[in-house]
Structure formats: structure tokens, C-alpha cells
Amino acid sequence: MKSIVFLVALGGLALSGCGKKEAKSTSSSTNENYSSGNPVTAPVDYLGALAKAKKNSEKTIDTVGLNQAVQQFNVTEGRYPKDLNELVTEKYLPRLPEAPYGMKIVYDANTGTVKVVPK
């Protein structure tokens, strides 16, 4: 009887020591991974991924819309606007879009490019 208990305990220790270990990796600020792989934290992981996707889509939409307005201004006026507010005063845009949280809109009047960058 003692030998059976001893074998079961020895087998349990052997199996618990043979688990697969994952290497920890540092995630950069541009490549964040919101999945921990734990089913308990799945709702939190999902909400984090949604927030990141929303921020990325807002950034893309704002950049594309502003770049199109700048190009229309350039074709019509023959020059790039001095600043983005000129697009509103000349009625190319009804208003300037707000940058996503933690971001800012940067405009280069020499090249006519609009970028959304972190603050």
C-alpha cells in the first residue's frame, strides 16, 4: 500500500515538473499584445484590443480626410494651406477633427502632409 502511494506521489511530481514554460518577451509600444491566453481575462483582453483598434481607425480616417482636403486646396489654390485652420476658413472642411486621445495632428506646410503622432 505504501509503495502505491509513493508511486502516485512520484508520478505527480514528475508530471508537474514537466510543464511547458513560455519565454517572457518585452512588448514595444507599437506592438502591444492584449491576449494573455487566460480565459478568465478574455473580456479584458477583448476590450483592450477594441480600444487599440478604435484608436488606430480614428487615426487613419483623420489622416486620410485631412490629406484629401489639403490636396483639394492645393489643386484649387495652387499652394498648400499655411495651417490646417485655413482649410476650415476656406470651407474645405466643416471643422478640424480631434486627434485620438494621447495623439496630436502634425501638419507640414512645405510638403502638404498631415500625420497623427503620439504626444
Protein backbone atom coordinates (compact mmCIF):
# COMPACT_ATOMS: atom_id res chain seq x y z
CA MET A 1 0.00 0.00 0.00
CA LYS A 2 2.85 2.37 0.86
CA SER A 3 4.54 1.64 -2.44
CA ILE A 4 1.39 2.58 -4.42
CA VAL A 5 1.05 5.91 -2.62
CA PHE A 6 4.76 6.53 -3.14
CA LEU A 7 4.50 5.78 -6.90
CA VAL A 8 1.44 8.05 -7.28
CA ALA A 9 3.22 10.88 -5.45
CA LEU A 10 6.38 10.37 -7.52
CA GLY A 11 4.34 10.36 -10.75
CA GLY A 12 2.56 13.57 -9.71
CA LEU A 13 5.87 15.31 -9.04
CA ALA A 14 7.29 14.15 -12.34
CA LEU A 15 4.28 15.41 -14.29
CA SER A 16 4.17 18.78 -12.54
CA GLY A 17 7.85 19.39 -13.26
CA CYS A 18 7.49 18.66 -16.98
CA GLY A 19 5.20 21.60 -17.77
CA LYS A 20 5.88 23.76 -20.80
CA LYS A 21 7.43 27.10 -19.84
CA GLU A 22 6.88 30.17 -22.01
CA ALA A 23 9.58 32.72 -22.59
CA LYS A 24 8.70 36.24 -21.48
CA SER A 25 9.05 38.82 -24.20
CA THR A 26 9.00 42.57 -23.85
CA SER A 27 6.35 44.21 -25.98
CA SER A 28 7.11 47.52 -27.61
CA SER A 29 4.67 50.41 -27.52
CA THR A 30 3.76 49.95 -31.18
CA ASN A 31 3.25 46.18 -30.99
CA GLU A 32 1.20 45.57 -27.88
CA ASN A 33 -0.34 42.15 -27.34
CA TYR A 34 -3.60 42.26 -25.39
CA SER A 35 -4.08 38.49 -25.19
CA SER A 36 -2.85 36.77 -22.07
CA GLY A 37 -4.23 33.40 -23.14
CA ASN A 38 -6.19 33.07 -19.91
CA PRO A 39 -9.95 32.51 -20.39
CA VAL A 40 -10.68 34.43 -17.20
CA THR A 41 -9.13 37.62 -18.60
CA ALA A 42 -10.59 37.20 -22.10
CA PRO A 43 -13.17 40.01 -21.70
CA VAL A 44 -10.47 42.42 -20.57
CA ASP A 45 -8.19 41.35 -23.41
CA TYR A 46 -11.04 41.87 -25.87
CA LEU A 47 -11.79 45.37 -24.59
CA GLY A 48 -8.11 46.31 -24.80
CA ALA A 49 -7.93 45.12 -28.39
CA LEU A 50 -11.10 47.06 -29.24
CA ALA A 51 -9.68 50.26 -27.77
CA LYS A 52 -6.48 49.87 -29.76
CA ALA A 53 -8.40 49.18 -32.98
CA LYS A 54 -10.66 52.20 -32.42
CA LYS A 55 -7.69 54.50 -31.87
CA ASN A 56 -5.95 53.15 -34.99
CA SER A 57 -9.04 53.54 -37.19
CA GLU A 58 -9.69 57.10 -35.96
CA LYS A 59 -6.09 57.99 -36.69
CA THR A 60 -6.32 56.57 -40.22
CA ILE A 61 -9.64 58.25 -41.02
CA ASP A 62 -8.48 61.64 -39.72
CA THR A 63 -5.22 61.46 -41.66
CA VAL A 64 -6.85 60.44 -44.94
CA GLY A 65 -9.59 63.09 -44.69
CA LEU A 66 -7.15 65.87 -43.89
CA ASN A 67 -4.73 64.82 -46.64
CA GLN A 68 -7.57 64.85 -49.18
CA ALA A 69 -8.66 68.33 -48.09
CA VAL A 70 -5.06 69.57 -48.35
CA GLN A 71 -4.74 68.12 -51.86
CA GLN A 72 -8.05 69.72 -52.94
CA PHE A 73 -6.86 73.04 -51.55
CA ASN A 74 -3.58 72.67 -53.45
CA VAL A 75 -5.32 71.94 -56.74
CA THR A 76 -7.76 74.84 -56.37
CA GLU A 77 -5.49 77.49 -54.84
CA GLY A 78 -2.17 76.40 -56.38
CA ARG A 79 -0.44 76.20 -52.98
CA TYR A 80 -0.59 74.29 -49.72
CA PRO A 81 -2.52 75.88 -46.85
CA LYS A 82 -0.43 77.79 -44.29
CA ASP A 83 -2.08 75.82 -41.48
CA LEU A 84 -4.98 73.40 -41.08
CA ASN A 85 -7.31 76.18 -39.88
CA GLU A 86 -7.16 77.66 -43.39
CA LEU A 87 -8.99 74.55 -44.63
CA VAL A 88 -11.91 75.47 -42.35
CA THR A 89 -11.95 79.19 -43.21
CA GLU A 90 -11.89 78.43 -46.95
CA LYS A 91 -14.72 75.85 -46.50
CA TYR A 92 -12.74 72.74 -47.47
CA LEU A 93 -13.68 71.20 -44.11
CA PRO A 94 -16.60 71.98 -41.79
CA ARG A 95 -14.26 71.67 -38.78
CA LEU A 96 -10.93 70.12 -37.90
CA PRO A 97 -11.17 66.60 -36.49
CA GLU A 98 -9.95 65.99 -32.96
CA ALA A 99 -6.92 63.78 -32.59
CA PRO A 100 -7.42 60.50 -30.71
CA TYR A 101 -6.55 60.53 -27.02
CA GLY A 102 -2.80 60.74 -26.48
CA MET A 103 -2.14 61.79 -30.08
CA LYS A 104 -1.70 65.08 -31.91
CA ILE A 105 -2.10 66.18 -35.52
CA VAL A 106 1.08 67.47 -37.19
CA TYR A 107 0.93 69.39 -40.48
CA ASP A 108 3.93 70.24 -42.69
CA ALA A 109 3.05 73.27 -44.84
CA ASN A 110 6.08 72.76 -47.12
CA THR A 111 5.12 69.27 -48.29
CA GLY A 112 1.38 69.37 -47.53
CA THR A 113 1.45 66.21 -45.42
CA VAL A 114 -0.66 65.50 -42.35
CA LYS A 115 0.36 62.95 -39.72
CA VAL A 116 -1.16 61.84 -36.43
CA VAL A 117 1.64 61.17 -33.94
CA PRO A 118 1.85 60.45 -30.21
CA LYS A 119 2.13 63.49 -27.93
